[in-house]
Amino acid sequence: MIQLLVGLGNPGQEHALDRHNAGFWLVDQIATAAGASLKPERGFFGDVARVRLQGHELWLLEPSTYMNRSGQSVGAFARFYKIAPENILVAHDELDLPPGQAKLKLGGGHAGHNGLRDLIAHLGTPNFWRLRLGIGHPGDRDAVIGFVLGKPPQSELKLIEQAMEQSRAVLPQLLKGEFEAAMMQLHRSNRSDGGKSAAAAQPGRG
């Protein structure tokens, strides 16, 4: 079952509305709904909260390092609390899905996402769960960095928020270890209207 939910993003108000911070957005919503506040924990290089959802305890973590050093925070936390990689769910922005879609997967590569790349390095394995929050693709690999570090228009933000709402709806199943049921429910509820077409993964994300 999932014991730790990690949101990926970049710290600081200047990045708060970036597409790259979609993982932070989701974790913030879950904390708020549970009446919890994320608090800085220097030993874990991040902001941490502990919530209880439907009888299950869940740690929330947002690394306060920049995206490309996210693994430093997650690795330290997982080692301290002895949480296995397969009990970790990482929420992150996904170029290869349009706004409005979210997908769950276990393992895989990093597809050029520097946060995932560093997580794999620090955990020593790619076998952790990922919640991929679609943000769309600019269509040009040279425009990717500016795109992920930019603010989505309101029409796209609405779709991303819908996908996050659908993701929160399957969290109780993930906390019980019902991964297949959660995947089926989430993938069935995906919406792609209004989003840009997904494109092939490109290296060089921020």
Protein backbone atom coordinates (compact mmCIF):
# COMPACT_ATOMS: atom_id res chain seq x y z
CA MET A 1 0.00 0.00 0.00
CA ILE A 2 1.07 3.62 -0.46
CA GLN A 3 2.71 5.08 2.65
CA LEU A 4 4.36 8.17 1.17
CA LEU A 5 2.98 10.60 -1.40
CA VAL A 6 5.60 12.89 -2.92
CA GLY A 7 4.77 15.95 -4.98
CA LEU A 8 7.46 17.19 -7.34
CA GLY A 9 8.05 20.86 -8.07
CA ASN A 10 10.40 23.78 -7.61
CA PRO A 11 10.40 25.84 -4.39
CA GLY A 12 9.69 29.55 -4.18
CA GLN A 13 6.80 31.84 -5.07
CA GLU A 14 8.29 32.52 -8.49
CA HIS A 15 7.58 28.90 -9.44
CA ALA A 16 4.32 28.36 -7.56
CA LEU A 17 2.13 28.58 -10.69
CA ASP A 18 4.48 26.76 -13.08
CA ARG A 19 3.21 23.65 -14.87
CA HIS A 20 6.29 21.89 -13.46
CA ASN A 21 4.74 22.27 -9.98
CA ALA A 22 1.66 20.16 -10.68
CA GLY A 23 2.86 17.58 -8.14
CA PHE A 24 3.01 20.27 -5.45
CA TRP A 25 -0.51 21.40 -6.36
CA LEU A 26 -1.93 17.92 -5.77
CA VAL A 27 -0.17 17.40 -2.44
CA ASP A 28 -1.27 20.86 -1.27
CA GLN A 29 -4.88 19.99 -2.08
CA ILE A 30 -4.71 16.70 -0.19
CA ALA A 31 -3.15 18.38 2.85
CA THR A 32 -5.77 21.13 2.85
CA ALA A 33 -8.65 18.66 2.53
CA ALA A 34 -7.25 16.71 5.49
CA GLY A 35 -6.83 19.84 7.60
CA ALA A 36 -3.05 19.47 7.67
CA SER A 37 -0.18 21.86 7.01
CA LEU A 38 3.14 20.93 5.45
CA LYS A 39 6.01 22.02 7.67
CA PRO A 40 9.72 22.33 6.85
CA GLU A 41 11.89 19.41 7.98
CA ARG A 42 15.54 20.25 7.43
CA GLY A 43 16.69 16.67 7.86
CA PHE A 44 14.50 15.62 4.94
CA PHE A 45 15.22 18.66 2.73
CA GLY A 46 11.50 19.23 2.30
CA ASP A 47 8.09 20.09 3.70
CA VAL A 48 6.26 17.26 5.46
CA ALA A 49 2.79 16.46 6.77
CA ARG A 50 1.15 13.34 8.13
CA VAL A 51 -2.52 12.82 7.40
CA ARG A 52 -5.09 10.13 8.12
CA LEU A 53 -7.50 9.20 5.35
CA GLN A 54 -10.25 6.64 5.88
CA GLY A 55 -8.33 4.91 8.63
CA HIS A 56 -4.99 4.90 6.81
CA GLU A 57 -1.99 7.08 7.62
CA LEU A 58 -0.15 8.78 4.78
CA TRP A 59 2.99 10.89 4.74
CA LEU A 60 3.05 13.88 2.39
CA LEU A 61 6.37 15.28 1.18
CA GLU A 62 7.34 18.19 -1.05
CA PRO A 63 11.11 18.44 -1.60
CA SER A 64 12.43 21.94 -0.96
CA THR A 65 15.41 21.29 -3.19
CA TYR A 66 15.07 22.19 -6.84
CA MET A 67 13.47 19.63 -9.12
CA ASN A 68 16.72 18.06 -10.29
CA ARG A 69 17.68 17.22 -6.67
CA SER A 70 14.32 15.81 -5.56
CA GLY A 71 15.86 12.42 -4.85
CA GLN A 72 17.94 13.84 -1.99
CA SER A 73 14.77 14.57 -0.05
CA VAL A 74 12.82 11.43 -0.94
CA GLY A 75 15.82 9.17 -0.37
CA ALA A 76 16.47 10.61 3.09
CA PHE A 77 12.82 10.30 4.09
CA ALA A 78 12.40 6.76 2.78
CA ARG A 79 15.55 5.56 4.51
CA PHE A 80 14.61 7.10 7.85
CA TYR A 81 11.09 5.65 7.91
CA LYS A 82 12.10 2.43 6.11
CA ILE A 83 9.58 2.93 3.32
CA ALA A 84 10.14 0.66 0.34
CA PRO A 85 10.12 2.26 -3.14
CA GLU A 86 7.01 0.30 -4.14
CA ASN A 87 5.15 1.99 -1.26
CA ILE A 88 5.95 5.46 -2.62
CA LEU A 89 3.70 7.40 -5.00
CA VAL A 90 5.28 10.32 -6.85
CA ALA A 91 2.98 12.93 -8.39
CA HIS A 92 4.58 14.86 -11.24
CA ASP A 93 3.84 16.85 -14.38
CA GLU A 94 3.73 14.81 -17.58
CA LEU A 95 4.43 16.28 -21.01
CA ASP A 96 3.22 13.15 -22.80
CA LEU A 97 -0.36 13.47 -21.55
CA PRO A 98 -2.74 16.33 -22.39
CA PRO A 99 -4.26 18.49 -19.67
CA GLY A 100 -7.21 16.64 -18.17
CA GLN A 101 -5.56 13.24 -18.11
CA ALA A 102 -3.82 11.51 -15.22
CA LYS A 103 -2.36 8.02 -15.24
CA LEU A 104 -0.85 5.66 -12.70
CA LYS A 105 2.10 3.41 -13.40
CA LEU A 106 4.70 1.43 -11.50
CA GLY A 107 8.31 1.77 -12.57
CA GLY A 108 9.63 2.78 -15.96
CA GLY A 109 12.21 5.30 -17.08
CA HIS A 110 12.43 9.02 -16.40
CA ALA A 111 11.60 10.17 -19.97
CA GLY A 112 13.84 13.20 -19.51
CA HIS A 113 12.11 14.35 -16.32
CA ASN A 114 14.93 15.51 -14.08
CA GLY A 115 12.98 14.98 -10.88
CA LEU A 116 12.32 11.34 -11.73
CA ARG A 117 15.92 10.93 -12.88
CA ASP A 118 17.23 12.03 -9.47
CA LEU A 119 14.69 9.91 -7.61
CA ILE A 120 15.78 6.80 -9.47
CA ALA A 121 19.42 7.60 -8.64
CA HIS A 122 18.78 8.09 -4.91
CA LEU A 123 16.33 5.23 -4.44
CA GLY A 124 18.50 2.89 -6.49
CA THR A 125 15.50 1.65 -8.47
CA PRO A 126 12.80 2.94 -10.84
CA ASN A 127 10.21 0.72 -9.14
CA PHE A 128 8.11 3.33 -7.39
CA TRP A 129 4.60 4.38 -8.33
CA ARG A 130 4.07 7.47 -10.46
CA LEU A 131 0.96 9.61 -10.79
CA ARG A 132 1.45 11.36 -14.12
CA LEU A 133 -0.49 14.63 -14.32
CA GLY A 134 -0.86 15.71 -17.93
CA ILE A 135 0.22 19.23 -18.83
CA GLY A 136 0.51 18.82 -22.62
CA HIS A 137 3.51 19.46 -24.84
CA PRO A 138 4.52 22.70 -26.63
CA GLY A 139 5.21 20.71 -29.80
CA ASP A 140 8.86 21.77 -30.03
CA ARG A 141 11.53 20.18 -27.84
CA ASP A 142 13.43 23.48 -27.75
CA ALA A 143 10.41 25.11 -26.10
CA VAL A 144 9.99 22.51 -23.34
CA ILE A 145 11.91 24.28 -20.56
CA GLY A 146 10.03 27.55 -21.01
CA PHE A 147 6.77 25.62 -21.26
CA VAL A 148 7.09 23.64 -18.03
CA LEU A 149 8.34 26.73 -16.20
CA GLY A 150 5.36 28.71 -17.47
CA LYS A 151 1.84 29.21 -16.18
CA PRO A 152 -0.95 27.32 -17.98
CA PRO A 153 -3.88 29.34 -19.31
CA GLN A 154 -7.09 29.13 -17.34
CA SER A 155 -8.66 26.66 -19.79
CA GLU A 156 -5.78 24.20 -19.32
CA LEU A 157 -5.58 24.79 -15.57
CA LYS A 158 -9.24 23.83 -15.24
CA LEU A 159 -8.54 20.52 -16.98
CA ILE A 160 -5.47 19.85 -14.82
CA GLU A 161 -7.55 20.51 -11.71
CA GLN A 162 -10.19 18.05 -12.94
CA ALA A 163 -7.49 15.41 -13.36
CA MET A 164 -6.24 16.12 -9.84
CA GLU A 165 -9.76 15.75 -8.47
CA GLN A 166 -10.06 12.37 -10.21
CA SER A 167 -6.67 11.39 -8.77
CA ARG A 168 -7.72 12.28 -5.24
CA ALA A 169 -10.81 10.11 -5.69
CA VAL A 170 -8.69 6.95 -6.08
CA LEU A 171 -6.36 7.71 -3.17
CA PRO A 172 -8.33 5.56 -0.69
CA GLN A 173 -7.85 2.55 -2.98
CA LEU A 174 -4.11 3.21 -3.21
CA LEU A 175 -3.87 3.39 0.58
CA LYS A 176 -5.45 -0.06 0.75
CA GLY A 177 -3.15 -1.47 -1.92
CA GLU A 178 -5.94 -1.84 -4.48
CA PHE A 179 -3.75 -0.65 -7.34
CA GLU A 180 -5.51 -2.34 -10.24
CA ALA A 181 -8.91 -0.99 -9.19
CA ALA A 182 -7.45 2.51 -8.74
CA MET A 183 -5.83 2.42 -12.16
CA MET A 184 -9.02 1.26 -13.85
CA GLN A 185 -11.10 3.96 -12.17
CA LEU A 186 -8.63 6.75 -12.88
CA HIS A 187 -7.93 5.80 -16.47
CA ARG A 188 -11.64 5.40 -17.17
CA SER A 189 -12.33 8.89 -15.88
CA ASN A 190 -9.62 10.58 -17.93
CA ARG A 191 -10.60 13.50 -20.08
CA SER A 192 -8.60 14.81 -23.00
CA ASP A 193 -10.91 17.52 -24.38
CA GLY A 194 -9.35 20.93 -24.52
CA GLY A 195 -5.80 19.61 -24.14
CA LYS A 196 -2.94 19.53 -26.54
CA SER A 197 -2.01 16.28 -28.18
CA ALA A 198 0.51 14.19 -26.30
CA ALA A 199 3.87 14.05 -27.98
CA ALA A 200 6.86 11.76 -27.70
CA ALA A 201 9.05 12.20 -24.64
CA GLN A 202 11.85 14.68 -25.11
CA PRO A 203 14.98 15.16 -23.01
CA GLY A 204 16.00 18.42 -21.44
CA ARG A 205 13.20 19.25 -19.05
CA GLY A 206 13.87 21.72 -16.25
